Amino acid sequence: MRHGIKGRKLSRTAAHRKVTMQSLAMALIREHRITTTLAKAKELRGFVEPLITRAKEDTHHNRRQVFSSLQNKEAVTQLFTEVGPKSKDRPGGYTRVIKAGYRKGDGAEIAIVELVDYNDIKPEGSSSASDGKKKTRRAGKSNTPTTSVDEKSTKEKKEEPAKAEDTEVVEDSANEADNVVADEEATEDSAEEKK
């Protein structure tokens, strides 16, 4: 019989596990995104989602229930004033766990836990339609629209004055180089005369 398999023990005693979850939950509420191990991230999701559900309705009873889990007044206040109202329309699934590779020191699998409604930065590797260009599987080709003949001619006209300026700069630098060479020759001549 497999007794006691619900939840992860995380190599901690019950009290240590409880404090770890409180600490991670407070950090998630404060920062909206944290990085931790995958096992802790999955456990945290089960710990913090009921708290956010309670925070959607700001009552004295709900505040007491959440405070009994978090034991931190600032975190409870932020949960009920910021996170709860922002998650009011969402029926659940307030957090997202994204795998982020392996830790260098011990090879532990790392994950990013974030609140879904506070996703300001899109996760690495994800693509969205807001990028502007559609990507294809073909190497070197994209589905960008081709430019018309009128647009090409205006681009060429814009580039012509820039080329004229570039040639002036090249001529100026060539003149400066000639002056430097002449100065060096003059100093060499004067050094020979002194000897």
Protein backbone atom coordinates (compact mmCIF):
# COMPACT_ATOMS: atom_id res chain seq x y z
CA MET A 1 0.00 0.00 0.00
CA ARG A 2 1.26 3.46 -0.93
CA HIS A 3 0.36 5.59 2.09
CA GLY A 4 1.40 9.21 2.40
CA ILE A 5 2.16 9.88 -1.25
CA LYS A 6 0.14 13.08 -1.63
CA GLY A 7 2.42 16.08 -1.98
CA ARG A 8 6.19 16.28 -2.01
CA LYS A 9 8.23 16.05 1.15
CA LEU A 10 11.07 18.15 -0.34
CA SER A 11 13.55 16.49 2.07
CA ARG A 12 12.16 18.58 4.94
CA THR A 13 10.24 18.05 8.13
CA ALA A 14 6.60 19.14 8.18
CA ALA A 15 7.38 22.42 9.95
CA HIS A 16 10.29 23.22 7.63
CA ARG A 17 8.15 22.41 4.59
CA LYS A 18 5.40 24.75 5.85
CA VAL A 19 7.84 27.62 6.41
CA THR A 20 9.42 27.04 2.99
CA MET A 21 6.04 27.29 1.28
CA GLN A 22 5.17 30.44 3.26
CA SER A 23 8.46 32.04 2.26
CA LEU A 24 8.09 31.14 -1.41
CA ALA A 25 4.46 32.33 -1.45
CA MET A 26 5.41 35.69 0.09
CA ALA A 27 8.20 36.12 -2.46
CA LEU A 28 5.82 35.28 -5.32
CA ILE A 29 3.21 37.75 -4.08
CA ARG A 30 5.83 40.48 -3.63
CA GLU A 31 7.83 39.93 -6.86
CA HIS A 32 5.15 38.32 -9.13
CA ARG A 33 7.88 36.01 -10.54
CA ILE A 34 10.43 33.81 -8.78
CA THR A 35 12.94 31.13 -9.76
CA THR A 36 13.15 27.92 -7.75
CA THR A 37 13.45 24.17 -8.25
CA LEU A 38 10.75 22.41 -10.25
CA ALA A 39 9.51 20.34 -7.29
CA LYS A 40 9.16 23.43 -5.07
CA ALA A 41 7.48 25.32 -7.92
CA LYS A 42 4.84 22.62 -8.37
CA GLU A 43 4.20 22.47 -4.62
CA LEU A 44 4.01 26.26 -4.42
CA ARG A 45 1.34 26.32 -7.09
CA GLY A 46 -0.90 24.13 -4.92
CA PHE A 47 -0.18 26.29 -1.87
CA VAL A 48 -0.70 29.76 -3.33
CA GLU A 49 -3.66 29.27 -5.69
CA PRO A 50 -6.25 28.76 -2.90
CA LEU A 51 -4.89 31.91 -1.23
CA ILE A 52 -5.42 33.92 -4.42
CA THR A 53 -8.94 32.48 -4.74
CA ARG A 54 -9.71 33.74 -1.23
CA ALA A 55 -8.14 37.13 -2.04
CA LYS A 56 -10.63 37.69 -4.86
CA GLU A 57 -13.30 38.47 -2.24
CA ASP A 58 -11.99 40.90 0.38
CA THR A 59 -13.75 39.89 3.61
CA HIS A 60 -12.52 39.84 7.18
CA HIS A 61 -12.87 36.06 7.29
CA ASN A 62 -10.85 35.54 4.10
CA ARG A 63 -8.09 37.83 5.36
CA ARG A 64 -7.83 35.79 8.56
CA GLN A 65 -7.73 32.52 6.65
CA VAL A 66 -4.97 33.79 4.34
CA PHE A 67 -3.04 35.26 7.27
CA SER A 68 -3.11 31.87 9.01
CA SER A 69 -1.29 30.43 5.98
CA LEU A 70 1.14 33.28 5.25
CA GLN A 71 1.81 34.81 8.70
CA ASN A 72 2.85 38.13 7.11
CA LYS A 73 0.68 41.26 7.18
CA GLU A 74 2.40 42.99 4.26
CA ALA A 75 2.00 39.96 2.00
CA VAL A 76 -1.67 39.60 2.96
CA THR A 77 -2.30 43.30 2.28
CA GLN A 78 -0.60 43.13 -1.11
CA LEU A 79 -2.46 39.93 -1.97
CA PHE A 80 -5.86 41.49 -1.21
CA THR A 81 -5.17 44.94 -2.70
CA GLU A 82 -3.22 44.05 -5.88
CA VAL A 83 -3.26 40.37 -6.81
CA GLY A 84 -6.83 39.46 -5.82
CA PRO A 85 -8.62 42.25 -7.71
CA LYS A 86 -6.47 41.69 -10.81
CA SER A 87 -7.37 37.96 -10.78
CA LYS A 88 -11.08 38.50 -10.17
CA ASP A 89 -12.21 37.46 -13.67
CA ARG A 90 -9.99 34.37 -13.80
CA PRO A 91 -11.71 31.17 -12.54
CA GLY A 92 -8.43 29.52 -11.49
CA GLY A 93 -4.94 28.86 -12.78
CA TYR A 94 -3.43 32.05 -11.39
CA THR A 95 0.16 30.82 -11.61
CA ARG A 96 2.34 29.51 -14.40
CA VAL A 97 5.33 27.17 -14.02
CA ILE A 98 7.93 27.39 -16.79
CA LYS A 99 10.87 24.99 -16.92
CA ALA A 100 14.12 26.94 -17.11
CA GLY A 101 16.85 24.33 -17.44
CA TYR A 102 19.19 22.85 -14.87
CA ARG A 103 21.17 24.44 -12.06
CA LYS A 104 24.90 24.41 -12.69
CA GLY A 105 25.99 23.40 -9.18
CA ASP A 106 23.93 20.28 -8.57
CA GLY A 107 21.97 19.71 -11.78
CA ALA A 108 18.61 20.38 -10.12
CA GLU A 109 15.81 21.20 -12.54
CA ILE A 110 14.97 24.91 -12.29
CA ALA A 111 11.59 26.51 -12.96
CA ILE A 112 10.15 30.01 -13.06
CA VAL A 113 6.87 30.52 -11.20
CA GLU A 114 4.92 33.61 -12.18
CA LEU A 115 1.50 35.08 -11.65
CA VAL A 116 -0.35 34.89 -14.96
CA ASP A 117 -1.95 38.34 -14.74
CA TYR A 118 1.44 39.98 -14.17
CA ASN A 119 3.19 38.60 -17.25
CA ASP A 120 4.96 41.77 -18.44
CA ILE A 121 7.88 39.96 -20.05
CA LYS A 122 7.13 37.06 -22.33
CA PRO A 123 9.02 33.86 -21.48
CA GLU A 124 12.09 32.92 -23.48
CA GLY A 125 11.51 30.82 -26.57
CA SER A 126 7.88 31.82 -27.00
CA SER A 127 6.76 33.64 -30.10
CA SER A 128 3.75 35.84 -30.51
CA ALA A 129 1.91 37.47 -33.36
CA SER A 130 3.05 40.89 -32.16
CA ASP A 131 6.54 40.31 -33.56
CA GLY A 132 5.33 41.71 -36.87
CA LYS A 133 6.85 39.04 -39.12
CA LYS A 134 5.68 35.54 -39.76
CA LYS A 135 8.42 32.96 -39.57
CA THR A 136 8.69 30.07 -41.98
CA ARG A 137 10.51 26.81 -41.80
CA ARG A 138 12.53 27.60 -44.89
CA ALA A 139 16.01 28.82 -44.22
CA GLY A 140 16.61 32.44 -45.10
CA LYS A 141 13.12 33.22 -46.36
CA SER A 142 10.32 35.02 -44.62
CA ASN A 143 6.78 36.01 -45.43
CA THR A 144 7.47 39.75 -45.37
CA PRO A 145 5.65 41.75 -48.02
CA THR A 146 7.71 42.80 -51.03
CA THR A 147 8.30 46.50 -51.60
CA SER A 148 6.84 48.22 -54.63
CA VAL A 149 8.88 50.01 -57.32
CA ASP A 150 8.00 53.46 -55.92
CA GLU A 151 9.28 52.53 -52.47
CA LYS A 152 12.54 51.21 -53.94
CA SER A 153 13.17 54.44 -55.87
CA THR A 154 12.57 56.58 -52.76
CA LYS A 155 14.98 54.40 -50.79
CA GLU A 156 17.64 54.88 -53.49
CA LYS A 157 17.13 58.66 -53.44
CA LYS A 158 17.58 58.73 -49.68
CA GLU A 159 20.80 56.74 -49.92
CA GLU A 160 22.47 58.99 -52.57
CA PRO A 161 23.17 62.02 -50.30
CA ALA A 162 24.64 59.73 -47.68
CA LYS A 163 27.14 58.39 -50.24
CA ALA A 164 28.28 61.93 -51.14
CA GLU A 165 28.90 62.71 -47.47
CA ASP A 166 30.87 59.48 -47.10
CA THR A 167 33.20 60.46 -49.95
CA GLU A 168 33.85 63.86 -48.35
CA VAL A 169 34.77 62.15 -45.09
CA VAL A 170 37.12 59.81 -46.94
CA GLU A 171 38.76 62.76 -48.73
CA ASP A 172 39.13 64.65 -45.43
CA SER A 173 40.73 61.64 -43.75
CA ALA A 174 43.08 61.21 -46.74
CA ASN A 175 44.14 64.88 -46.46
CA GLU A 176 44.73 64.44 -42.73
CA ALA A 177 46.84 61.35 -43.39
CA ASP A 178 48.95 63.30 -45.91
CA ASN A 179 49.46 66.07 -43.34
CA VAL A 180 50.55 63.56 -40.70
CA VAL A 181 53.02 61.96 -43.10
CA ALA A 182 54.39 65.40 -44.04
CA ASP A 183 54.78 66.31 -40.35
CA GLU A 184 56.64 63.06 -39.66
CA GLU A 185 58.99 63.70 -42.59
CA ALA A 186 59.64 67.23 -41.34
CA THR A 187 60.50 65.98 -37.85
CA GLU A 188 62.82 63.34 -39.30
CA ASP A 189 64.58 66.00 -41.43
CA SER A 190 65.02 68.30 -38.45
CA ALA A 191 66.36 65.42 -36.36
CA GLU A 192 68.93 64.61 -39.06
CA GLU A 193 70.00 68.27 -39.30
CA LYS A 194 70.62 68.43 -35.55
CA LYS A 195 72.98 65.44 -35.72
